[in-house]
Amino acid sequence: MAIRRLRDKERTRVNDCTACMPRAPSSLMAHPDWAELLRLPLAERIQLVEDLWDSIAADAERLPLPESHREELARRRAAYRADPGRVIPWEQVRDRLWSEE
């Protein structure tokens, strides 16, 4: 249950982020090379996706931070400053999440 809530929350964040991203004028799937890309062996398609993701990560600072992310960061900072002793180490959070699957 906790994992599902986390995934739903992350999906919302991704949607918030993609809303501020420019849209391509045409669909990649309509591109003439798309069919050729789909014929590549799986390992090559995975490598292509990794290379594409690396190029996105290199430009990540150019992507504007959605207001909902700014608000969440401010909320978390305020909560931490109000009670720093409530911090739970990542290892404990991860273990608890994986144990609820």
N, C-alpha and C. Protein backbone atom coordinates (compact mmCIF):
# COMPACT_ATOMS: atom_id res chain seq x y z
N MET A 1 0.82 -1.19 0.00
CA MET A 1 0.00 0.00 0.00
C MET A 1 0.87 1.27 0.00
N ALA A 2 1.90 1.29 0.85
CA ALA A 2 2.77 2.47 0.92
C ALA A 2 3.50 2.67 -0.40
N ILE A 3 3.90 1.58 -1.04
CA ILE A 3 4.60 1.68 -2.32
C ILE A 3 3.66 2.27 -3.37
N ARG A 4 2.41 1.83 -3.37
CA ARG A 4 1.45 2.35 -4.34
C ARG A 4 1.26 3.85 -4.14
N ARG A 5 1.13 4.30 -2.88
CA ARG A 5 0.98 5.73 -2.62
C ARG A 5 2.22 6.48 -3.10
N LEU A 6 3.39 5.92 -2.86
CA LEU A 6 4.63 6.54 -3.29
C LEU A 6 4.67 6.64 -4.81
N ARG A 7 4.30 5.56 -5.49
CA ARG A 7 4.31 5.57 -6.96
C ARG A 7 3.30 6.58 -7.50
N ASP A 8 2.11 6.65 -6.90
CA ASP A 8 1.11 7.62 -7.34
C ASP A 8 1.63 9.04 -7.16
N LYS A 9 2.30 9.28 -6.03
CA LYS A 9 2.86 10.60 -5.77
C LYS A 9 3.95 10.93 -6.79
N GLU A 10 4.81 9.96 -7.09
CA GLU A 10 5.86 10.18 -8.08
C GLU A 10 5.26 10.42 -9.46
N ARG A 11 4.21 9.68 -9.81
CA ARG A 11 3.55 9.88 -11.10
C ARG A 11 3.03 11.30 -11.19
N THR A 12 2.47 11.82 -10.11
CA THR A 12 1.98 13.20 -10.09
C THR A 12 3.13 14.16 -10.31
N ARG A 13 4.25 13.90 -9.66
CA ARG A 13 5.42 14.77 -9.82
C ARG A 13 5.93 14.74 -11.25
N VAL A 14 5.96 13.57 -11.86
CA VAL A 14 6.40 13.47 -13.25
C VAL A 14 5.45 14.25 -14.14
N ASN A 15 4.15 14.11 -13.90
CA ASN A 15 3.18 14.85 -14.69
C ASN A 15 3.37 16.35 -14.51
N ASP A 16 3.63 16.80 -13.28
CA ASP A 16 3.89 18.22 -13.04
C ASP A 16 5.10 18.68 -13.84
N CYS A 17 6.12 17.85 -13.87
CA CYS A 17 7.36 18.20 -14.55
C CYS A 17 7.17 18.20 -16.06
N THR A 18 6.50 17.20 -16.59
CA THR A 18 6.34 17.13 -18.04
C THR A 18 5.42 18.23 -18.55
N ALA A 19 4.57 18.77 -17.69
CA ALA A 19 3.69 19.85 -18.11
C ALA A 19 4.48 21.10 -18.49
N CYS A 20 5.67 21.27 -17.90
CA CYS A 20 6.45 22.47 -18.19
C CYS A 20 7.47 22.23 -19.30
N MET A 21 7.53 21.02 -19.81
CA MET A 21 8.49 20.71 -20.86
C MET A 21 7.90 21.04 -22.24
N PRO A 22 8.73 21.54 -23.14
CA PRO A 22 8.21 21.83 -24.48
C PRO A 22 7.84 20.54 -25.19
N ARG A 23 6.80 20.60 -25.97
CA ARG A 23 6.35 19.45 -26.74
C ARG A 23 7.00 19.46 -28.12
N ALA A 24 7.33 18.29 -28.60
CA ALA A 24 7.88 18.18 -29.95
C ALA A 24 6.77 18.51 -30.95
N PRO A 25 7.13 19.17 -32.04
CA PRO A 25 6.10 19.52 -33.02
C PRO A 25 5.44 18.31 -33.67
N SER A 26 6.16 17.22 -33.76
CA SER A 26 5.56 16.01 -34.32
C SER A 26 5.94 14.83 -33.45
N SER A 27 5.18 13.78 -33.56
CA SER A 27 5.41 12.60 -32.74
C SER A 27 6.63 11.84 -33.24
N LEU A 28 7.46 11.39 -32.30
CA LEU A 28 8.62 10.59 -32.66
C LEU A 28 8.18 9.31 -33.36
N MET A 29 7.05 8.78 -32.93
CA MET A 29 6.60 7.51 -33.51
C MET A 29 6.23 7.66 -34.98
N ALA A 30 5.97 8.87 -35.44
CA ALA A 30 5.66 9.09 -36.85
C ALA A 30 6.93 9.31 -37.66
N HIS A 31 8.06 9.44 -36.99
CA HIS A 31 9.33 9.66 -37.66
C HIS A 31 9.67 8.43 -38.51
N PRO A 32 10.20 8.65 -39.71
CA PRO A 32 10.49 7.51 -40.59
C PRO A 32 11.50 6.52 -40.01
N ASP A 33 12.37 6.96 -39.11
CA ASP A 33 13.37 6.05 -38.54
C ASP A 33 12.83 5.24 -37.36
N TRP A 34 11.62 5.55 -36.90
CA TRP A 34 11.07 4.87 -35.73
C TRP A 34 10.99 3.36 -35.94
N ALA A 35 10.45 2.94 -37.06
CA ALA A 35 10.32 1.50 -37.34
C ALA A 35 11.70 0.84 -37.34
N GLU A 36 12.68 1.53 -37.88
CA GLU A 36 14.04 0.99 -37.91
C GLU A 36 14.59 0.86 -36.49
N LEU A 37 14.33 1.84 -35.65
CA LEU A 37 14.78 1.77 -34.25
C LEU A 37 14.14 0.58 -33.53
N LEU A 38 12.89 0.34 -33.80
CA LEU A 38 12.19 -0.78 -33.15
C LEU A 38 12.73 -2.13 -33.60
N ARG A 39 13.38 -2.18 -34.74
CA ARG A 39 13.96 -3.44 -35.23
C ARG A 39 15.34 -3.73 -34.62
N LEU A 40 15.91 -2.74 -33.92
CA LEU A 40 17.21 -2.98 -33.28
C LEU A 40 17.06 -4.07 -32.23
N PRO A 41 18.13 -4.82 -31.98
CA PRO A 41 18.09 -5.80 -30.89
C PRO A 41 17.81 -5.10 -29.56
N LEU A 42 17.23 -5.83 -28.65
CA LEU A 42 16.84 -5.27 -27.36
C LEU A 42 18.01 -4.57 -26.67
N ALA A 43 19.16 -5.18 -26.63
CA ALA A 43 20.31 -4.58 -25.95
C ALA A 43 20.68 -3.23 -26.56
N GLU A 44 20.59 -3.12 -27.88
CA GLU A 44 20.90 -1.85 -28.54
C GLU A 44 19.84 -0.80 -28.25
N ARG A 45 18.57 -1.21 -28.19
CA ARG A 45 17.51 -0.25 -27.85
C ARG A 45 17.68 0.25 -26.42
N ILE A 46 18.05 -0.66 -25.50
CA ILE A 46 18.29 -0.26 -24.12
C ILE A 46 19.46 0.73 -24.07
N GLN A 47 20.52 0.45 -24.80
CA GLN A 47 21.67 1.36 -24.83
C GLN A 47 21.27 2.72 -25.40
N LEU A 48 20.43 2.70 -26.42
CA LEU A 48 19.95 3.95 -27.01
C LEU A 48 19.17 4.77 -25.98
N VAL A 49 18.32 4.11 -25.23
CA VAL A 49 17.55 4.80 -24.19
C VAL A 49 18.49 5.35 -23.12
N GLU A 50 19.48 4.57 -22.72
CA GLU A 50 20.44 5.05 -21.72
C GLU A 50 21.19 6.28 -22.23
N ASP A 51 21.61 6.22 -23.49
CA ASP A 51 22.33 7.36 -24.07
C ASP A 51 21.43 8.59 -24.15
N LEU A 52 20.17 8.38 -24.53
CA LEU A 52 19.22 9.47 -24.59
C LEU A 52 19.00 10.06 -23.19
N TRP A 53 18.83 9.17 -22.19
CA TRP A 53 18.63 9.63 -20.82
C TRP A 53 19.84 10.42 -20.33
N ASP A 54 21.05 9.96 -20.65
CA ASP A 54 22.26 10.68 -20.24
C ASP A 54 22.28 12.08 -20.86
N SER A 55 21.82 12.21 -22.10
CA SER A 55 21.79 13.53 -22.74
C SER A 55 20.77 14.43 -22.06
N ILE A 56 19.67 13.86 -21.59
CA ILE A 56 18.66 14.63 -20.85
C ILE A 56 19.23 15.06 -19.51
N ALA A 57 19.88 14.14 -18.81
CA ALA A 57 20.46 14.45 -17.51
C ALA A 57 21.50 15.56 -17.61
N ALA A 58 22.25 15.58 -18.71
CA ALA A 58 23.27 16.61 -18.90
C ALA A 58 22.65 18.00 -19.03
N ASP A 59 21.39 18.06 -19.47
CA ASP A 59 20.69 19.34 -19.64
C ASP A 59 19.65 19.57 -18.55
N ALA A 60 19.65 18.78 -17.50
CA ALA A 60 18.60 18.83 -16.49
C ALA A 60 18.47 20.21 -15.85
N GLU A 61 19.58 20.92 -15.69
CA GLU A 61 19.50 22.23 -15.05
C GLU A 61 18.71 23.23 -15.89
N ARG A 62 18.53 22.96 -17.16
CA ARG A 62 17.73 23.85 -18.02
C ARG A 62 16.24 23.61 -17.87
N LEU A 63 15.86 22.50 -17.26
CA LEU A 63 14.45 22.18 -17.07
C LEU A 63 13.93 22.96 -15.87
N PRO A 64 12.89 23.75 -16.06
CA PRO A 64 12.38 24.54 -14.92
C PRO A 64 11.78 23.64 -13.84
N LEU A 65 11.98 24.06 -12.59
CA LEU A 65 11.44 23.32 -11.46
C LEU A 65 9.97 23.72 -11.28
N PRO A 66 9.05 22.76 -11.37
CA PRO A 66 7.63 23.11 -11.21
C PRO A 66 7.35 23.69 -9.83
N GLU A 67 6.36 24.55 -9.75
CA GLU A 67 6.00 25.19 -8.49
C GLU A 67 5.64 24.15 -7.43
N SER A 68 4.99 23.06 -7.83
CA SER A 68 4.63 22.02 -6.86
C SER A 68 5.87 21.41 -6.22
N HIS A 69 6.97 21.32 -6.96
CA HIS A 69 8.22 20.80 -6.41
C HIS A 69 8.81 21.80 -5.42
N ARG A 70 8.78 23.08 -5.79
CA ARG A 70 9.29 24.12 -4.88
C ARG A 70 8.52 24.10 -3.56
N GLU A 71 7.20 23.97 -3.66
CA GLU A 71 6.36 23.94 -2.47
C GLU A 71 6.68 22.73 -1.60
N GLU A 72 6.86 21.57 -2.24
CA GLU A 72 7.18 20.36 -1.47
C GLU A 72 8.54 20.48 -0.80
N LEU A 73 9.52 21.04 -1.49
CA LEU A 73 10.84 21.24 -0.89
C LEU A 73 10.76 22.19 0.31
N ALA A 74 10.01 23.26 0.15
CA ALA A 74 9.85 24.22 1.26
C ALA A 74 9.16 23.54 2.44
N ARG A 75 8.14 22.73 2.17
CA ARG A 75 7.43 22.03 3.24
C ARG A 75 8.37 21.09 3.98
N ARG A 76 9.18 20.35 3.23
CA ARG A 76 10.10 19.41 3.86
C ARG A 76 11.18 20.11 4.66
N ARG A 77 11.71 21.23 4.13
CA ARG A 77 12.71 21.99 4.88
C ARG A 77 12.13 22.50 6.20
N ALA A 78 10.92 23.03 6.12
CA ALA A 78 10.27 23.56 7.33
C ALA A 78 10.04 22.45 8.35
N ALA A 79 9.60 21.29 7.88
CA ALA A 79 9.36 20.16 8.79
C ALA A 79 10.66 19.72 9.44
N TYR A 80 11.73 19.66 8.66
CA TYR A 80 13.03 19.27 9.23
C TYR A 80 13.51 20.29 10.25
N ARG A 81 13.41 21.56 9.91
CA ARG A 81 13.87 22.61 10.83
C ARG A 81 13.05 22.62 12.12
N ALA A 82 11.77 22.30 12.01
CA ALA A 82 10.91 22.29 13.19
C ALA A 82 11.25 21.14 14.13
N ASP A 83 11.72 20.01 13.57
CA ASP A 83 12.01 18.85 14.41
C ASP A 83 13.04 17.95 13.73
N PRO A 84 14.33 18.34 13.77
CA PRO A 84 15.37 17.55 13.09
C PRO A 84 15.50 16.12 13.61
N GLY A 85 15.03 15.86 14.83
CA GLY A 85 15.13 14.52 15.41
C GLY A 85 14.19 13.52 14.79
N ARG A 86 13.23 13.96 13.98
CA ARG A 86 12.27 13.05 13.35
C ARG A 86 12.79 12.45 12.06
N VAL A 87 14.00 12.79 11.68
CA VAL A 87 14.57 12.26 10.44
C VAL A 87 14.75 10.75 10.57
N ILE A 88 14.35 10.03 9.53
CA ILE A 88 14.52 8.57 9.49
C ILE A 88 15.57 8.26 8.42
N PRO A 89 16.61 7.52 8.77
CA PRO A 89 17.64 7.19 7.78
C PRO A 89 17.03 6.45 6.57
N TRP A 90 17.57 6.74 5.40
CA TRP A 90 17.08 6.14 4.16
C TRP A 90 17.02 4.62 4.25
N GLU A 91 18.00 3.99 4.85
CA GLU A 91 18.03 2.53 4.94
C GLU A 91 16.78 2.00 5.64
N GLN A 92 16.35 2.68 6.71
CA GLN A 92 15.15 2.25 7.43
C GLN A 92 13.89 2.46 6.58
N VAL A 93 13.83 3.58 5.90
CA VAL A 93 12.67 3.85 5.02
C VAL A 93 12.59 2.79 3.93
N ARG A 94 13.72 2.54 3.28
CA ARG A 94 13.77 1.55 2.20
C ARG A 94 13.36 0.17 2.70
N ASP A 95 13.92 -0.24 3.83
CA ASP A 95 13.57 -1.55 4.37
C ASP A 95 12.08 -1.67 4.68
N ARG A 96 11.52 -0.60 5.23
CA ARG A 96 10.10 -0.61 5.56
C ARG A 96 9.24 -0.66 4.29
N LEU A 97 9.63 0.09 3.28
CA LEU A 97 8.88 0.08 2.01
C LEU A 97 8.91 -1.29 1.36
N TRP A 98 10.09 -1.89 1.29
CA TRP A 98 10.20 -3.18 0.61
C TRP A 98 9.53 -4.30 1.40
N SER A 99 9.41 -4.14 2.70
CA SER A 99 8.76 -5.17 3.50
C SER A 99 7.24 -5.14 3.35
N GLU A 100 6.68 -4.06 2.81
CA GLU A 100 5.23 -3.92 2.66
C GLU A 100 4.71 -4.39 1.31
N GLU A 101 5.57 -4.87 0.44
CA GLU A 101 5.12 -5.29 -0.89
C GLU A 101 4.23 -6.50 -0.81
